[in-house]
N, C-alpha and C. Protein backbone atom coordinates (compact mmCIF):
# COMPACT_ATOMS: atom_id res chain seq x y z
N MET A 1 0.75 -1.13 -0.01
CA MET A 1 0.15 -0.09 0.02
C MET A 1 0.87 1.20 -0.10
N ARG A 2 1.90 1.27 0.87
CA ARG A 2 2.80 2.33 0.99
C ARG A 2 3.65 2.56 -0.35
N LEU A 3 3.96 1.60 -1.04
CA LEU A 3 4.88 1.56 -2.21
C LEU A 3 3.85 2.08 -3.23
N SER A 4 2.44 1.97 -3.27
CA SER A 4 1.73 2.34 -4.41
C SER A 4 1.28 3.71 -4.16
N LEU A 5 1.01 4.13 -2.98
CA LEU A 5 1.11 5.41 -2.80
C LEU A 5 2.30 6.25 -3.11
N PHE A 6 3.45 5.98 -2.84
CA PHE A 6 4.66 6.56 -3.25
C PHE A 6 4.70 6.63 -4.73
N THR A 7 4.45 5.65 -5.53
CA THR A 7 4.45 5.74 -7.00
C THR A 7 3.24 6.78 -7.53
N PHE A 8 2.44 6.72 -6.68
CA PHE A 8 1.35 7.74 -7.21
C PHE A 8 1.84 8.99 -6.95
N PHE A 9 2.51 9.32 -6.14
CA PHE A 9 3.10 10.73 -5.72
C PHE A 9 4.02 11.03 -6.83
N LEU A 10 4.99 10.10 -7.18
CA LEU A 10 5.92 10.01 -8.06
C LEU A 10 5.39 10.73 -9.62
N VAL A 11 4.24 9.89 -9.84
CA VAL A 11 3.69 10.10 -11.19
C VAL A 11 3.04 11.59 -11.04
N LEU A 12 2.34 11.74 -10.12
CA LEU A 12 1.77 13.17 -10.14
C LEU A 12 2.73 14.35 -10.06
N LEU A 13 3.87 14.02 -9.67
CA LEU A 13 4.97 15.06 -9.47
C LEU A 13 5.60 15.41 -11.05
N ALA A 14 5.78 14.03 -11.74
CA ALA A 14 6.19 14.12 -12.92
C ALA A 14 5.50 14.71 -14.11
N THR A 15 4.20 14.30 -13.52
CA THR A 15 2.90 14.92 -14.63
C THR A 15 2.73 16.48 -14.40
N GLY A 16 3.07 17.03 -13.18
CA GLY A 16 3.11 18.41 -12.90
C GLY A 16 4.24 19.29 -13.27
N SER A 17 5.49 18.52 -13.47
CA SER A 17 6.53 19.15 -13.93
C SER A 17 6.61 19.11 -15.47
N LYS A 18 6.00 17.99 -15.91
CA LYS A 18 5.83 18.32 -17.60
C LYS A 18 4.72 19.09 -17.84
N ALA A 19 3.66 19.22 -17.16
CA ALA A 19 2.94 20.55 -17.73
C ALA A 19 3.49 21.66 -17.55
N GLN A 20 4.09 21.89 -16.29
CA GLN A 20 4.66 23.30 -16.06
C GLN A 20 5.61 23.40 -17.14
N TYR A 21 6.40 22.67 -17.76
CA TYR A 21 7.36 22.70 -18.84
C TYR A 21 6.58 23.05 -20.04
N GLU A 22 5.63 22.45 -20.30
CA GLU A 22 4.98 22.76 -21.51
C GLU A 22 4.11 24.09 -21.50
N GLY A 23 4.05 24.22 -20.38
CA GLY A 23 3.01 25.74 -20.16
C GLY A 23 4.27 26.91 -20.38
N ARG A 24 5.26 26.68 -20.04
CA ARG A 24 6.37 27.81 -20.02
C ARG A 24 6.72 27.76 -21.73
N ALA A 25 6.94 26.76 -22.50
CA ALA A 25 7.28 26.38 -23.75
C ALA A 25 6.14 27.09 -24.62
N LEU A 26 4.81 26.87 -24.32
CA LEU A 26 3.76 27.58 -24.96
C LEU A 26 3.78 29.12 -24.75
N ASP A 27 4.03 29.43 -23.39
CA ASP A 27 4.48 30.97 -23.42
C ASP A 27 5.36 31.57 -24.25
N LEU A 28 6.40 30.94 -24.65
CA LEU A 28 7.50 31.35 -25.31
C LEU A 28 7.16 31.52 -26.91
N GLU A 29 6.38 30.47 -27.10
CA GLU A 29 5.76 30.45 -28.58
C GLU A 29 4.76 31.37 -28.86
N HIS A 30 3.99 31.79 -27.63
CA HIS A 30 3.13 32.80 -27.84
C HIS A 30 3.65 34.32 -28.07
N TYR A 31 4.94 34.27 -27.63
CA TYR A 31 5.58 35.68 -27.79
C TYR A 31 6.61 35.82 -28.67
N GLN A 32 6.61 34.65 -29.54
CA GLN A 32 7.61 34.58 -30.84
C GLN A 32 6.92 35.21 -31.86
N TYR A 33 7.60 35.97 -32.61
CA TYR A 33 6.77 36.66 -34.07
C TYR A 33 7.96 36.47 -35.02
N THR A 34 7.24 36.47 -36.48
CA THR A 34 8.02 36.28 -37.66
C THR A 34 7.61 37.40 -38.57
N LEU A 35 8.51 38.28 -39.07
CA LEU A 35 7.95 39.29 -39.98
C LEU A 35 8.87 39.09 -41.46
N GLY A 36 7.99 38.98 -42.40
CA GLY A 36 8.59 38.91 -43.78
C GLY A 36 8.74 39.90 -44.59
N TYR A 37 9.77 40.20 -45.16
CA TYR A 37 10.08 41.57 -46.05
C TYR A 37 10.38 40.82 -47.57
N PRO A 38 10.79 41.88 -48.49
CA PRO A 38 10.85 41.36 -49.78
C PRO A 38 11.95 40.69 -50.05
N ASP A 39 13.11 40.88 -49.28
CA ASP A 39 14.36 40.30 -49.48
C ASP A 39 15.01 39.46 -48.11
N HIS A 40 14.26 39.42 -47.10
CA HIS A 40 14.68 38.65 -46.02
C HIS A 40 13.69 38.59 -45.04
N LYS A 41 13.57 37.85 -43.90
CA LYS A 41 12.82 37.30 -43.06
C LYS A 41 13.13 37.21 -41.54
N ILE A 42 12.53 37.94 -40.62
CA ILE A 42 13.15 38.17 -39.34
C ILE A 42 12.22 37.17 -38.12
N THR A 43 12.85 36.43 -37.36
CA THR A 43 11.98 35.91 -36.04
C THR A 43 12.64 36.18 -35.02
N PHE A 44 11.79 36.67 -34.02
CA PHE A 44 12.31 37.11 -32.69
C PHE A 44 11.25 37.02 -31.68
N TYR A 45 11.78 37.27 -30.31
CA TYR A 45 10.81 37.08 -29.14
C TYR A 45 10.69 38.49 -28.61
N ALA A 46 9.42 38.69 -28.10
CA ALA A 46 9.03 40.00 -27.46
C ALA A 46 8.22 39.79 -26.16
N ARG A 47 8.53 40.80 -25.35
CA ARG A 47 7.78 40.69 -24.16
C ARG A 47 6.38 41.18 -24.18
N PRO A 48 5.46 40.65 -23.13
CA PRO A 48 4.16 41.13 -23.35
C PRO A 48 3.98 42.49 -22.95
N ALA A 49 2.98 43.35 -23.52
CA ALA A 49 2.83 44.68 -23.58
C ALA A 49 2.92 45.24 -22.10
N GLY A 50 2.39 44.64 -21.30
CA GLY A 50 2.43 45.00 -19.67
C GLY A 50 3.73 44.81 -19.07
N GLU A 51 4.57 44.04 -19.67
CA GLU A 51 5.89 43.92 -19.02
C GLU A 51 6.86 44.77 -19.77
N SER A 52 7.11 45.96 -19.12
CA SER A 52 7.96 47.01 -19.63
C SER A 52 8.90 47.62 -18.65
N LEU A 53 9.65 48.67 -18.82
CA LEU A 53 10.68 49.34 -18.20
C LEU A 53 10.10 50.58 -17.55
N LYS A 54 10.34 50.89 -16.37
CA LYS A 54 10.02 52.16 -15.88
C LYS A 54 10.79 53.32 -16.31
N PHE A 55 12.18 52.99 -16.65
CA PHE A 55 12.96 54.13 -17.16
C PHE A 55 13.75 53.69 -18.41
N THR A 56 14.07 54.62 -19.29
CA THR A 56 14.96 54.40 -20.42
C THR A 56 16.07 55.46 -20.54
N ASP A 57 17.04 54.90 -21.15
CA ASP A 57 18.37 55.64 -21.27
C ASP A 57 18.35 56.58 -22.74
N PRO A 58 18.19 57.71 -22.46
CA PRO A 58 18.29 58.47 -23.60
C PRO A 58 19.42 58.20 -24.92
N ALA A 59 20.56 57.56 -24.12
CA ALA A 59 21.58 57.51 -24.93
C ALA A 59 21.37 56.03 -25.68
N LYS A 60 20.58 55.31 -25.60
CA LYS A 60 20.43 53.74 -26.20
C LYS A 60 19.34 53.73 -27.03
N ASN A 61 19.25 53.02 -27.91
CA ASN A 61 18.28 52.54 -29.07
C ASN A 61 17.55 51.24 -28.40
N TYR A 62 16.16 51.40 -28.48
CA TYR A 62 15.28 50.47 -28.04
C TYR A 62 14.45 49.86 -29.13
N TYR A 63 14.38 48.54 -29.19
CA TYR A 63 13.93 47.69 -30.49
C TYR A 63 12.44 47.54 -29.85
N TRP A 64 11.38 47.37 -30.45
CA TRP A 64 10.09 47.10 -29.81
C TRP A 64 9.15 46.85 -31.06
N PHE A 65 7.92 46.24 -30.78
CA PHE A 65 7.24 45.82 -31.79
C PHE A 65 5.69 45.97 -31.47
N SER A 66 4.92 46.67 -32.59
CA SER A 66 3.69 47.18 -32.56
C SER A 66 3.21 47.23 -34.04
N SER A 67 1.84 46.90 -33.97
CA SER A 67 1.17 46.79 -35.26
C SER A 67 1.72 46.11 -36.18
N ASN A 68 2.44 44.99 -35.89
CA ASN A 68 2.85 44.06 -36.75
C ASN A 68 4.36 44.94 -37.47
N GLU A 69 4.99 45.72 -36.76
CA GLU A 69 5.89 46.25 -37.35
C GLU A 69 6.99 46.49 -36.19
N LEU A 70 8.45 46.19 -36.68
CA LEU A 70 9.52 46.33 -35.80
C LEU A 70 10.18 47.82 -35.77
N LYS A 71 10.00 48.40 -34.70
CA LYS A 71 10.59 49.81 -34.59
C LYS A 71 11.74 49.90 -33.79
N ILE A 72 12.24 51.02 -33.96
CA ILE A 72 13.71 51.46 -33.10
C ILE A 72 13.74 52.94 -32.80
N THR A 73 13.52 53.08 -31.45
CA THR A 73 13.61 54.60 -30.87
C THR A 73 14.56 54.83 -30.05
N GLN A 74 15.37 55.90 -29.97
CA GLN A 74 16.48 56.14 -29.12
C GLN A 74 15.56 57.00 -27.80
N GLY A 75 15.98 56.33 -26.76
CA GLY A 75 15.56 56.70 -25.34
C GLY A 75 13.95 56.39 -25.26
N GLY A 76 13.38 55.48 -25.85
CA GLY A 76 12.07 55.17 -25.63
C GLY A 76 11.30 54.20 -26.52
N PHE A 77 10.07 53.81 -26.28
CA PHE A 77 9.44 52.78 -26.77
C PHE A 77 7.92 52.90 -26.62
N SER A 78 6.95 52.26 -27.43
CA SER A 78 5.75 52.26 -27.16
C SER A 78 5.18 50.95 -27.69
N GLY A 79 5.48 49.64 -27.16
CA GLY A 79 4.86 48.57 -27.35
C GLY A 79 5.69 47.35 -26.82
N LYS A 80 5.85 46.38 -27.47
CA LYS A 80 6.33 45.36 -26.58
C LYS A 80 8.09 45.30 -26.92
N LEU A 81 8.64 45.31 -25.99
CA LEU A 81 9.95 45.21 -26.32
C LEU A 81 10.68 43.74 -26.49
N LEU A 82 11.52 43.84 -27.63
CA LEU A 82 12.45 42.49 -27.96
C LEU A 82 13.33 42.07 -26.56
N HIS A 83 12.98 40.62 -26.53
CA HIS A 83 13.56 40.13 -25.35
C HIS A 83 13.85 38.77 -25.80
N GLY A 84 15.13 38.32 -26.13
CA GLY A 84 15.42 36.95 -26.33
C GLY A 84 16.02 36.92 -27.76
N SER A 85 16.26 35.82 -28.24
CA SER A 85 16.89 35.56 -29.65
C SER A 85 16.36 36.30 -30.59
N TYR A 86 17.18 36.64 -31.76
CA TYR A 86 16.69 37.45 -32.70
C TYR A 86 17.60 36.68 -34.01
N THR A 87 16.77 36.41 -34.96
CA THR A 87 17.64 35.91 -36.04
C THR A 87 16.85 36.31 -37.43
N ASP A 88 17.68 36.94 -38.40
CA ASP A 88 17.33 37.45 -39.76
C ASP A 88 18.03 36.44 -40.97
N PHE A 89 17.29 36.03 -41.54
CA PHE A 89 17.18 35.23 -42.84
C PHE A 89 16.96 35.85 -44.02
N TYR A 90 17.90 35.39 -45.22
CA TYR A 90 17.89 35.76 -46.45
C TYR A 90 16.65 35.03 -47.15
N LEU A 91 16.14 35.31 -48.23
CA LEU A 91 15.39 34.25 -48.66
C LEU A 91 15.99 33.00 -49.23
N ASN A 92 17.08 32.84 -49.46
CA ASN A 92 17.68 31.78 -49.60
C ASN A 92 17.92 30.75 -48.17
N LYS A 93 17.61 31.24 -47.45
CA LYS A 93 17.71 30.59 -45.88
C LYS A 93 18.86 30.86 -45.18
N ASN A 94 19.89 31.44 -45.92
CA ASN A 94 20.98 31.96 -45.18
C ASN A 94 20.92 32.87 -43.89
N LEU A 95 21.59 32.76 -43.14
CA LEU A 95 21.55 33.75 -42.10
C LEU A 95 22.15 35.02 -42.53
N LYS A 96 21.43 36.15 -42.12
CA LYS A 96 21.79 37.66 -42.44
C LYS A 96 22.31 38.02 -41.05
N GLU A 97 21.59 37.98 -39.93
CA GLU A 97 21.91 38.44 -38.74
C GLU A 97 21.38 37.79 -37.53
N GLN A 98 22.35 37.63 -36.57
CA GLN A 98 21.93 36.77 -35.59
C GLN A 98 22.31 37.45 -33.97
N GLY A 99 21.55 37.46 -33.08
CA GLY A 99 22.09 38.00 -31.38
C GLY A 99 20.94 37.85 -30.75
N GLU A 100 21.01 38.47 -29.46
CA GLU A 100 20.16 38.41 -28.56
C GLU A 100 19.51 39.84 -27.95
N PHE A 101 18.44 39.86 -27.71
CA PHE A 101 17.96 41.08 -27.06
C PHE A 101 17.75 40.88 -25.57
N ARG A 102 17.89 42.11 -24.79
CA ARG A 102 17.32 42.11 -23.68
C ARG A 102 16.59 43.23 -22.94
N MET A 103 15.29 43.28 -22.77
CA MET A 103 14.22 44.31 -22.46
C MET A 103 14.56 45.49 -23.75
N GLY A 104 14.49 45.15 -24.96
CA GLY A 104 14.46 45.93 -25.91
C GLY A 104 16.01 46.41 -26.35
N LEU A 105 17.05 46.12 -25.74
CA LEU A 105 18.48 46.49 -25.94
C LEU A 105 19.13 45.02 -26.35
N LYS A 106 20.23 45.47 -27.33
CA LYS A 106 21.03 44.26 -27.90
C LYS A 106 22.08 44.02 -26.91
N ASN A 107 22.31 42.58 -26.60
CA ASN A 107 23.24 42.03 -25.80
C ASN A 107 23.94 41.02 -26.26
N GLY A 108 25.32 40.83 -25.73
CA GLY A 108 26.03 39.80 -26.07
C GLY A 108 26.35 39.84 -27.53
N ILE A 109 27.05 38.70 -28.15
CA ILE A 109 27.50 38.66 -29.55
C ILE A 109 26.53 38.64 -30.44
N TRP A 110 26.82 39.69 -31.56
CA TRP A 110 26.02 39.68 -32.98
C TRP A 110 26.76 39.41 -33.87
N ASN A 111 26.19 38.68 -34.93
CA ASN A 111 27.08 38.31 -35.83
C ASN A 111 26.18 38.64 -37.26
N ARG A 112 26.79 39.12 -38.39
CA ARG A 112 26.22 39.53 -39.83
C ARG A 112 27.06 38.63 -40.80
N TRP A 113 26.08 38.19 -41.72
CA TRP A 113 26.86 37.52 -42.86
C TRP A 113 26.16 38.08 -44.34
N THR A 114 26.87 37.91 -45.38
CA THR A 114 26.52 37.91 -46.57
C THR A 114 25.65 37.06 -47.19
N GLU A 115 24.94 37.21 -48.18
CA GLU A 115 23.66 36.36 -48.67
C GLU A 115 24.46 34.87 -49.07
N VAL A 116 25.65 34.94 -49.27
CA VAL A 116 26.30 33.52 -49.54
C VAL A 116 26.97 32.98 -48.32
N GLY A 117 26.56 33.43 -47.21
CA GLY A 117 27.30 32.79 -45.96
C GLY A 117 28.45 33.34 -45.62
N VAL A 118 29.17 34.29 -46.31
CA VAL A 118 30.52 34.90 -45.59
C VAL A 118 30.25 36.02 -44.39
N LEU A 119 30.88 35.51 -43.33
CA LEU A 119 30.83 36.25 -42.40
C LEU A 119 31.38 37.99 -42.35
N VAL A 120 30.44 38.78 -42.00
CA VAL A 120 30.85 40.16 -42.22
C VAL A 120 31.49 40.86 -41.18
N ALA A 121 30.87 40.72 -40.00
CA ALA A 121 31.05 41.38 -38.69
C ALA A 121 30.53 40.68 -37.37
N LYS A 122 31.65 40.78 -36.52
CA LYS A 122 31.51 40.18 -35.20
C LYS A 122 31.63 41.07 -34.32
N VAL A 123 30.48 41.47 -33.50
CA VAL A 123 30.44 42.52 -32.40
C VAL A 123 29.92 42.03 -31.05
N CYS A 124 29.99 42.82 -30.26
CA CYS A 124 29.56 42.41 -28.91
C CYS A 124 28.94 43.68 -28.29
N TYR A 125 27.97 43.32 -27.64
CA TYR A 125 26.92 44.56 -27.04
C TYR A 125 26.76 44.28 -25.44
N LYS A 126 26.80 45.43 -24.77
CA LYS A 126 26.24 45.36 -23.38
C LYS A 126 25.21 46.28 -23.05
N ASP A 127 23.93 45.86 -22.51
CA ASP A 127 23.06 46.80 -22.50
C ASP A 127 22.71 48.04 -23.64
N GLY A 128 22.69 47.32 -24.82
CA GLY A 128 22.78 48.33 -25.85
C GLY A 128 23.78 49.01 -26.69
N LEU A 129 24.89 48.91 -25.65
CA LEU A 129 26.32 49.79 -26.32
C LEU A 129 27.10 48.65 -26.74
N LEU A 130 27.86 49.12 -27.78
CA LEU A 130 28.94 48.10 -28.14
C LEU A 130 29.97 48.15 -27.27
N GLU A 131 30.39 46.88 -26.98
CA GLU A 131 31.28 46.78 -25.55
C GLU A 131 32.16 45.62 -26.09
N GLY A 132 33.62 45.86 -25.88
CA GLY A 132 34.52 44.54 -26.02
C GLY A 132 35.04 44.45 -27.62
N ARG A 133 35.61 43.31 -27.89
CA ARG A 133 36.37 43.08 -28.98
C ARG A 133 35.24 42.92 -30.32
N PHE A 134 35.73 43.61 -31.37
CA PHE A 134 34.94 43.57 -32.84
C PHE A 134 35.79 43.04 -33.60
N TYR A 135 35.25 42.55 -34.82
CA TYR A 135 35.87 42.15 -35.92
C TYR A 135 35.16 42.40 -37.05
N GLN A 136 35.74 42.61 -38.15
CA GLN A 136 35.28 43.24 -39.52
C GLN A 136 35.88 42.51 -40.58
N TYR A 137 35.00 41.96 -41.56
CA TYR A 137 35.75 40.85 -42.48
C TYR A 137 35.54 41.53 -43.92
N ASP A 138 36.25 41.11 -45.00
CA ASP A 138 36.01 41.34 -46.41
C ASP A 138 35.05 40.44 -47.11
N SER A 139 34.81 40.85 -48.22
CA SER A 139 34.00 40.03 -49.08
C SER A 139 34.60 38.19 -49.31
N LEU A 140 35.69 38.09 -48.91
CA LEU A 140 36.20 36.63 -48.97
C LEU A 140 35.95 35.99 -47.59
N GLY A 141 35.86 36.76 -46.46
CA GLY A 141 35.73 36.40 -45.26
C GLY A 141 37.29 36.44 -44.34
N GLN A 142 37.99 37.15 -44.72
CA GLN A 142 39.35 37.30 -44.37
C GLN A 142 39.37 38.43 -43.46
N LEU A 143 39.88 38.30 -42.33
CA LEU A 143 39.89 39.50 -41.23
C LEU A 143 40.24 40.90 -41.79
N ALA A 144 39.78 41.81 -41.84
CA ALA A 144 40.05 43.15 -42.39
C ALA A 144 40.39 44.32 -41.26
N GLU A 145 39.48 44.21 -40.43
CA GLU A 145 39.69 45.13 -39.25
C GLU A 145 39.20 44.46 -37.94
N ALA A 146 40.13 44.77 -36.84
CA ALA A 146 39.76 44.29 -35.28
C ALA A 146 40.38 45.45 -34.45
N GLY A 147 39.31 45.61 -33.33
CA GLY A 147 39.63 46.32 -32.36
C GLY A 147 38.90 46.41 -31.17
N LYS A 148 38.51 47.38 -30.31
CA LYS A 148 37.58 47.04 -29.08
C LYS A 148 36.93 48.36 -28.85
N TYR A 149 35.78 48.00 -28.21
CA TYR A 149 34.80 49.07 -28.03
C TYR A 149 34.80 49.18 -26.43
N ARG A 150 34.50 50.35 -25.97
CA ARG A 150 34.20 50.85 -24.62
C ARG A 150 33.01 51.65 -24.71
N GLN A 151 31.97 51.14 -24.10
CA GLN A 151 30.79 52.11 -23.87
C GLN A 151 30.28 52.70 -25.00
N GLY A 152 30.39 51.98 -26.41
CA GLY A 152 30.05 52.29 -27.42
C GLY A 152 30.99 53.06 -28.18
N LYS A 153 32.05 53.41 -27.90
CA LYS A 153 33.10 53.80 -28.62
C LYS A 153 34.34 53.25 -28.69
N ILE A 154 35.36 53.25 -29.92
CA ILE A 154 36.63 52.72 -30.24
C ILE A 154 37.54 53.15 -29.09
N ASN A 155 38.22 52.12 -28.35
CA ASN A 155 39.22 52.36 -27.47
C ASN A 155 40.38 51.57 -27.59
N GLY A 156 41.55 51.95 -27.75
CA GLY A 156 42.82 51.33 -27.69
C GLY A 156 43.21 50.92 -29.07
N LYS A 157 44.06 50.11 -29.49
CA LYS A 157 44.57 50.03 -30.87
C LYS A 157 43.38 49.17 -31.91
N LEU A 158 43.33 50.08 -33.09
CA LEU A 158 42.35 49.36 -33.98
C LEU A 158 43.40 48.97 -35.34
N LYS A 159 43.25 47.63 -35.48
CA LYS A 159 44.09 47.09 -36.51
C LYS A 159 43.38 47.19 -38.08
N LYS A 160 44.01 47.73 -38.84
CA LYS A 160 43.45 47.26 -40.53
C LYS A 160 44.45 46.61 -41.25
N TYR A 161 43.98 45.18 -41.66
CA TYR A 161 44.82 44.31 -42.36
C TYR A 161 44.48 44.74 -43.81
N ILE A 162 45.77 45.31 -44.06
CA ILE A 162 45.73 45.67 -45.71
C ILE A 162 46.05 44.46 -46.72
N SER A 163 46.91 43.67 -46.12
CA SER A 163 47.33 42.51 -47.04
C SER A 163 47.65 41.79 -45.91
N SER A 164 48.45 40.19 -46.50
CA SER A 164 48.66 39.05 -45.38
C SER A 164 49.91 39.64 -44.77
N ASP A 165 50.87 40.70 -45.44
CA ASP A 165 52.17 41.09 -44.65
C ASP A 165 51.98 42.49 -44.54
N SER A 166 50.69 43.19 -44.23
CA SER A 166 50.79 44.70 -44.18
C SER A 166 49.56 44.81 -43.15
N ILE A 167 49.97 45.68 -41.99
CA ILE A 167 48.66 45.94 -41.06
C ILE A 167 49.04 47.39 -40.63
N VAL A 168 48.17 47.94 -40.58
CA VAL A 168 47.81 49.62 -40.14
C VAL A 168 47.28 49.52 -38.61
N VAL A 169 48.03 50.26 -37.65
CA VAL A 169 47.49 50.18 -36.50
C VAL A 169 47.37 51.78 -35.97
N MET A 170 46.24 52.06 -35.57
CA MET A 170 45.76 53.10 -34.95
C MET A 170 45.52 53.31 -33.76
N ASN A 171 45.69 54.21 -32.86
CA ASN A 171 45.34 54.33 -31.67
C ASN A 171 44.13 55.24 -31.25
N TYR A 172 42.96 54.80 -30.64
CA TYR A 172 42.02 55.61 -30.48
C TYR A 172 41.64 55.59 -28.77
N LYS A 173 41.07 56.55 -28.49
CA LYS A 173 40.54 57.04 -27.14
C LYS A 173 39.28 57.75 -27.06
N ASN A 174 38.27 56.93 -26.62
CA ASN A 174 36.87 57.37 -26.47
C ASN A 174 36.46 57.88 -27.76
N GLY A 175 36.84 56.95 -28.86
CA GLY A 175 36.16 57.09 -30.03
C GLY A 175 37.21 58.05 -30.88
N LEU A 176 38.08 58.50 -30.51
CA LEU A 176 38.80 59.72 -31.11
C LEU A 176 40.30 59.11 -31.34
N ILE A 177 40.86 59.33 -32.93
CA ILE A 177 41.89 58.76 -33.07
C ILE A 177 43.07 59.52 -32.76
N GLN A 178 43.99 59.05 -32.01
CA GLN A 178 45.02 59.93 -31.33
C GLN A 178 46.35 59.96 -32.09
N PRO A 179 46.94 60.97 -32.09
CA PRO A 179 48.25 61.24 -32.94
C PRO A 179 49.35 60.37 -32.51
N ALA A 180 50.20 59.95 -33.53
CA ALA A 180 51.27 59.01 -33.23
C ALA A 180 52.23 59.65 -31.97
N ALA A 181 52.54 58.88 -31.12
CA ALA A 181 53.42 59.23 -30.16
C ALA A 181 54.59 59.46 -30.71
N LYS A 182 55.15 60.92 -30.12
CA LYS A 182 56.30 61.21 -30.50
C LYS A 182 57.76 60.78 -29.86
N LYS A 183 58.54 60.71 -30.53
CA LYS A 183 59.83 59.91 -30.29
C LYS A 183 60.42 60.69 -28.95
N ASN A 184 61.02 59.71 -27.87
CA ASN A 184 61.42 60.32 -26.68
C ASN A 184 62.75 61.46 -27.06
N LYS A 185 62.62 62.62 -26.48
CA LYS A 185 63.71 63.55 -26.92
C LYS A 185 65.03 62.86 -26.52
N TRP A 186 65.14 62.37 -25.36
CA TRP A 186 66.57 61.81 -24.80
C TRP A 186 66.97 60.98 -25.81
N PHE A 187 65.89 59.78 -26.65
CA PHE A 187 66.32 58.99 -27.42
C PHE A 187 66.80 59.54 -28.70
N GLN A 188 66.07 60.61 -28.87
CA GLN A 188 66.59 61.33 -30.16
C GLN A 188 67.89 61.95 -30.16
N ALA A 189 68.25 62.60 -29.06
CA ALA A 189 69.55 63.02 -28.75
C ALA A 189 70.62 61.85 -28.96
N LEU A 190 70.55 61.01 -28.33
CA LEU A 190 71.19 59.70 -28.02
C LEU A 190 71.53 59.44 -29.47
N TRP A 191 70.51 59.11 -30.49
CA TRP A 191 70.63 58.39 -31.73
C TRP A 191 71.51 59.61 -32.68
N LYS A 192 71.29 60.91 -32.29
CA LYS A 192 72.01 61.88 -33.08
C LYS A 192 73.26 61.83 -32.73
N LYS A 193 74.03 61.54 -31.43
CA LYS A 193 75.17 61.57 -31.00
C LYS A 193 75.99 60.37 -31.41
N LYS A 194 74.76 59.24 -31.33
CA LYS A 194 75.82 58.02 -32.14
C LYS A 194 76.05 58.18 -33.46
N THR A 195 75.09 58.77 -34.29
CA THR A 195 75.23 58.88 -35.61
C THR A 195 76.33 59.68 -35.98
N LYS A 196 76.76 60.86 -35.15
CA LYS A 196 77.85 61.62 -35.24
C LYS A 196 79.31 60.89 -35.03
N SER A 197 79.04 60.17 -33.88
CA SER A 197 80.35 59.30 -33.59
C SER A 197 80.59 58.27 -34.46
N THR A 198 79.86 57.79 -35.06
CA THR A 198 79.93 56.73 -36.17
C THR A 198 80.10 57.35 -37.55
N LYS A 199 80.33 58.62 -37.75
CA LYS A 199 80.58 59.18 -38.97
C LYS A 199 82.05 58.93 -39.56
N VAL A 200 82.02 58.58 -40.87
CA VAL A 200 83.23 58.28 -41.34
C VAL A 200 84.12 59.34 -42.04
N VAL A 201 85.06 59.75 -41.80
CA VAL A 201 85.87 61.22 -42.32
C VAL A 201 86.96 60.73 -43.12
N ASP A 202 86.86 61.31 -44.58
CA ASP A 202 87.70 60.87 -45.59
C ASP A 202 89.19 61.36 -45.24
């Protein structure tokens, strides 16, 4: 009798867990949307209209959905905020763009491709702003540019790959290119003195 009762509770627990899981899956499917355009198709998730933000950042772009249209607004929104995975497909079913949203803001790694599947760019977002390392590729998928963002602006060294044996390096600070560092005056004086001392006199 005790064994039968224990088995009954196990079955009840398993059934409840399964129902709860299926309920969550249905909720996710309920808030999944697909938009078709002449040259591509987007699949994404959005929060219910009642689940929104109390405050928005005027420096950030918010992605939201309303009246069967995807909107982008700086510092505000008036619909369902995108939340979850976002995938953009070409008509040939190749990936065009893929990433994640969190309450209307881009987050994590985002990738873009050409129609034939060549990677164009790989960037990272944090709460709607570009953050961390980024990579740009040419039409053949070869690395063309690499650098780092900090709060939406390029910071540090930006490398441009001109050819297999040629790289141009520029230094940025808060999105502004910095002048090349001047040679140390002491080093210049030492080099000048060394040049004079090694000069050959006929």
